[in-house]
Structures are given as structure tokens and as C-alpha cells.
Protein backbone atom coordinates (compact mmCIF):
# COMPACT_ATOMS: atom_id res chain seq x y z
CA SER A 1 -14.18 -21.35 -16.01
CA HIS A 2 -11.20 -19.15 -16.86
CA ASP A 3 -10.25 -18.52 -13.20
CA GLN A 4 -10.41 -22.22 -12.30
CA ILE A 5 -8.23 -23.24 -15.24
CA ALA A 6 -5.73 -20.47 -14.49
CA ALA A 7 -5.61 -21.62 -10.85
CA THR A 8 -5.12 -25.26 -11.84
CA LEU A 9 -2.31 -24.49 -14.27
CA GLY A 10 -0.80 -21.90 -11.94
CA MET A 11 -0.64 -24.39 -9.08
CA GLU A 12 0.85 -27.01 -11.42
CA LEU A 13 3.52 -24.49 -12.39
CA LEU A 14 4.21 -23.71 -8.72
CA GLN A 15 4.52 -27.44 -7.99
CA GLY A 16 7.06 -27.83 -10.80
CA ARG A 17 4.94 -29.97 -13.11
CA TYR A 18 6.12 -27.73 -15.95
CA PRO A 19 9.72 -26.72 -15.15
CA PRO A 20 11.22 -23.42 -16.33
CA GLY A 21 12.36 -23.62 -19.94
CA SER A 22 9.85 -26.33 -20.84
CA ASN A 23 6.81 -25.84 -23.04
CA MET A 24 3.27 -25.86 -21.71
CA PRO A 25 1.00 -28.46 -23.31
CA PRO A 26 -0.25 -27.35 -26.73
CA GLU A 27 -3.64 -25.66 -27.05
CA PRO A 28 -5.44 -28.73 -28.42
CA GLN A 29 -4.40 -30.79 -25.38
CA LEU A 30 -5.53 -28.08 -22.96
CA ILE A 31 -8.82 -27.64 -24.83
CA GLU A 32 -9.48 -31.36 -24.54
CA ARG A 33 -8.36 -31.57 -20.92
CA PHE A 34 -10.52 -28.68 -19.69
CA GLN A 35 -13.35 -28.98 -22.24
CA VAL A 36 -13.33 -25.28 -23.11
CA SER A 37 -12.86 -23.16 -26.22
CA ARG A 38 -9.58 -22.02 -27.71
CA THR A 39 -10.49 -18.46 -26.66
CA VAL A 40 -10.68 -19.48 -22.99
CA ILE A 41 -7.30 -21.25 -23.16
CA ARG A 42 -5.72 -18.21 -24.80
CA GLU A 43 -7.14 -15.94 -22.09
CA VAL A 44 -5.76 -18.30 -19.43
CA MET A 45 -2.33 -18.15 -21.06
CA LYS A 46 -2.53 -14.35 -21.13
CA THR A 47 -3.35 -14.41 -17.42
CA LEU A 48 -0.39 -16.68 -16.67
CA ALA A 49 1.84 -14.49 -18.85
CA ALA A 50 0.73 -11.38 -16.93
CA LYS A 51 1.79 -13.12 -13.71
CA GLY A 52 5.21 -13.83 -15.22
CA PHE A 53 4.81 -17.61 -15.49
CA VAL A 54 4.91 -18.07 -19.25
CA VAL A 55 5.76 -16.38 -22.51
CA SER A 56 4.16 -17.24 -25.85
CA LYS A 57 6.15 -17.26 -29.06
CA THR A 58 4.99 -17.99 -32.57
CA ARG A 59 6.07 -21.46 -33.82
CA VAL A 60 7.62 -22.23 -30.43
CA GLY A 61 4.55 -22.40 -28.23
CA THR A 62 4.07 -21.24 -24.67
CA ARG A 63 7.27 -21.60 -22.69
CA VAL A 64 7.59 -21.57 -18.90
CA ARG A 65 9.74 -18.67 -17.70
CA GLU A 66 12.41 -18.83 -15.03
CA ARG A 67 11.06 -18.50 -11.48
CA MET A 68 12.74 -15.14 -10.96
CA TYR A 69 10.17 -13.64 -13.36
CA TRP A 70 7.16 -15.07 -11.50
CA ASN A 71 5.12 -12.48 -9.62
CA TYR A 72 4.89 -14.12 -6.20
CA PHE A 73 3.21 -10.99 -4.79
CA ASP A 74 0.23 -11.29 -7.13
CA ALA A 75 -2.92 -12.00 -5.09
CA ASP A 76 -3.85 -15.05 -7.18
CA VAL A 77 -0.34 -16.50 -7.04
CA LEU A 78 -0.26 -16.07 -3.26
CA ALA A 79 -3.66 -17.74 -2.95
CA TRP A 80 -2.51 -20.66 -5.10
CA ARG A 81 0.63 -20.98 -3.01
CA VAL A 82 -1.40 -21.03 0.21
CA ARG A 83 -3.66 -23.74 -1.23
CA LEU A 84 -0.58 -25.83 -1.99
CA GLY A 85 0.87 -25.36 1.50
CA PHE A 86 4.22 -24.03 2.58
CA ASP A 87 7.31 -26.14 2.00
CA ASP A 88 10.77 -25.44 3.44
CA GLU A 89 11.96 -23.65 0.30
CA PHE A 90 9.00 -21.26 0.31
CA MET A 91 9.38 -20.56 4.04
CA HIS A 92 13.09 -19.86 3.52
CA CYS A 93 12.22 -17.37 0.75
CA LEU A 94 9.70 -15.62 3.01
CA VAL A 95 12.29 -15.29 5.77
CA GLU A 96 14.81 -13.83 3.32
CA ILE A 97 12.26 -11.32 2.05
CA ARG A 98 11.41 -10.33 5.61
CA ARG A 99 15.09 -9.81 6.42
CA ALA A 100 15.46 -7.60 3.36
CA ILE A 101 12.31 -5.53 3.84
CA GLU A 102 11.72 -5.18 7.59
CA PRO A 103 14.67 -2.90 8.46
CA ALA A 104 13.70 -0.43 5.72
CA ALA A 105 10.02 -0.64 6.66
CA ALA A 106 10.84 -0.02 10.33
CA ALA A 107 13.01 2.98 9.45
CA LEU A 108 10.25 4.38 7.26
CA ALA A 109 7.71 3.91 10.07
CA VAL A 110 9.98 5.72 12.56
CA PHE A 111 10.44 8.57 10.08
CA ALA A 112 6.66 8.85 9.55
CA VAL A 113 6.03 8.92 13.31
CA ALA A 114 8.73 11.58 13.76
CA ILE A 115 7.06 13.78 11.14
CA LEU A 116 3.69 13.25 12.82
CA LEU A 117 5.12 14.15 16.24
CA VAL A 118 6.71 17.33 14.89
CA ALA A 119 3.36 18.32 13.38
CA LEU A 120 1.53 17.53 16.62
CA PHE A 121 4.01 19.51 18.73
CA GLU A 122 3.65 22.49 16.36
CA ARG A 123 -0.16 22.35 16.66
CA TYR A 124 0.15 22.04 20.44
CA ARG A 125 2.43 25.09 20.52
CA LEU A 126 -0.03 27.09 18.43
CA LEU A 127 -2.92 25.94 20.61
CA THR A 128 -1.02 26.97 23.76
CA VAL A 129 -0.29 30.41 22.31
CA GLY A 130 -3.92 30.67 21.23
CA VAL A 131 -5.29 29.72 24.64
CA ALA A 132 -2.96 32.21 26.35
CA ALA A 133 -4.03 34.96 23.98
CA ALA A 134 -7.72 34.04 24.32
CA ALA A 135 -7.43 34.00 28.10
CA SER A 136 -5.75 37.41 28.00
CA VAL A 137 -8.69 38.76 26.00
CA ALA A 138 -11.24 37.04 28.25
CA ILE A 139 -9.65 38.49 31.39
CA GLY A 140 -9.51 41.90 29.80
CA TRP A 141 -5.77 42.35 29.71
CA VAL A 142 -5.83 42.98 25.96
CA THR A 143 -8.36 43.36 23.17
CA PRO A 144 -8.41 41.13 20.09
CA SER A 145 -7.44 44.09 17.92
CA GLU A 146 -4.30 44.56 20.04
CA LEU A 147 -3.34 40.90 19.57
CA ILE A 148 -3.87 40.47 15.85
CA PRO A 149 -1.36 43.01 14.49
CA SER A 150 1.43 41.79 16.79
CA GLY A 151 0.51 38.19 16.03
CA LEU A 152 0.61 38.76 12.33
CA ALA A 153 3.98 40.41 12.67
CA ALA A 154 5.30 37.54 14.79
CA ASN A 155 3.76 34.58 13.01
CA GLY A 156 2.32 35.82 9.74
CA SER A 157 -0.76 33.63 9.88
CA LEU A 158 -4.14 35.30 9.71
CA ILE A 159 -5.89 31.92 10.04
CA GLU A 160 -4.16 31.20 13.36
CA TRP A 161 -5.15 34.58 14.74
CA ASN A 162 -8.71 34.20 13.51
CA ALA A 163 -8.79 30.95 15.47
CA ILE A 164 -7.46 32.78 18.52
CA ALA A 165 -10.13 35.46 18.18
CA LEU A 166 -12.78 32.74 17.88
CA LEU A 167 -11.41 30.97 20.95
CA ALA A 168 -11.39 34.26 22.85
CA GLY A 169 -15.04 34.76 21.94
CA LEU A 170 -15.87 31.28 23.19
CA LEU A 171 -14.07 31.90 26.51
CA ILE A 172 -15.87 35.21 26.97
CA TYR A 173 -19.21 33.54 26.17
CA ALA A 174 -18.43 30.71 28.62
CA ALA A 175 -17.50 33.22 31.33
CA LEU A 176 -20.88 34.98 31.05
């Protein structure tokens, strides 16, 4: 099938059977080798081209591109590479990629956690203010109507004060 032929040729490319700059075998040879139609071979070549392995040119044929154009992060290419095993060159490339990416990824993760913590602390602060206000209402020190205007003036958030009023109602209900 198309996927099997693409995998076979892709692994042959990864192994260096067709070095960069060389031509892939002509269509008639591939048709005979795999016993498939010209349409299937053309679709396979389109797949390999989409992964950066080859480029087709009229009257020249399908030429293997330089390795720097190969999409090593493509899921199929990674699977083919795993099936071939990891040689020293590939492991060295992985280590280099890790060294390039990990510091930036770690910094991004720290930044994301910092944003999350700021958001959590803000919610905690609002919850604390809300509980204090609700407790004040429940004890009878103030009424909800006395809290809302001053809260709106201080914070400007009707939703927060509606939540406080709801929490006060729950505390009063729980106290009964």
C-alpha cells in the first residue's frame, strides 16, 4: 500500500541508500519493484516531498534533497527512524536539539507557573475578602446592602460582590 511504500523508501533515504543530490529510481523501476500503479508511486513521491525528502522536477526526475530540509519531527519520519534504531549521529543530534530547546522550554514553564500563581493568589485574596464580608453579614455586623456599595467603590466588580452576597446567604443558612 501507499503507506508501506512510503515507509520503505523513507527508511532507505534515512539509511543513505539514496544520498542527497542523487535521483530516486525512475517511476517504471519503482512500479516494477513494488507492483503498484503509477498513481500510487506518484502519491508516495508527494508524501516524501511533503516530508522534505525529495523534490520532483520535469525532465530531471525526483531528486533527494539535502538533509537539512528533511522534517525529522514528522510523526512518520520519527517512526521510521525508531524502526531503524538510533546510531551515534542521531543520538548526537538529539542531544544538540535538547541543549537548544530545554533552557527556553524551562523558562517558558517557569513563566507559565508564575502567571498561574499570581492568578491563584488573586483569587485567594478575593475569597478571603469575601469570607470576611460574608462572616460580617452572618454575625450581623453589617447588612449586604451596606457592603455592596463600598465594595463596588473599592473594587468595581459586581460579580465579586454578588458572590460575597451568595456566600453570606450560605453562611446564614448554615448557622440556622
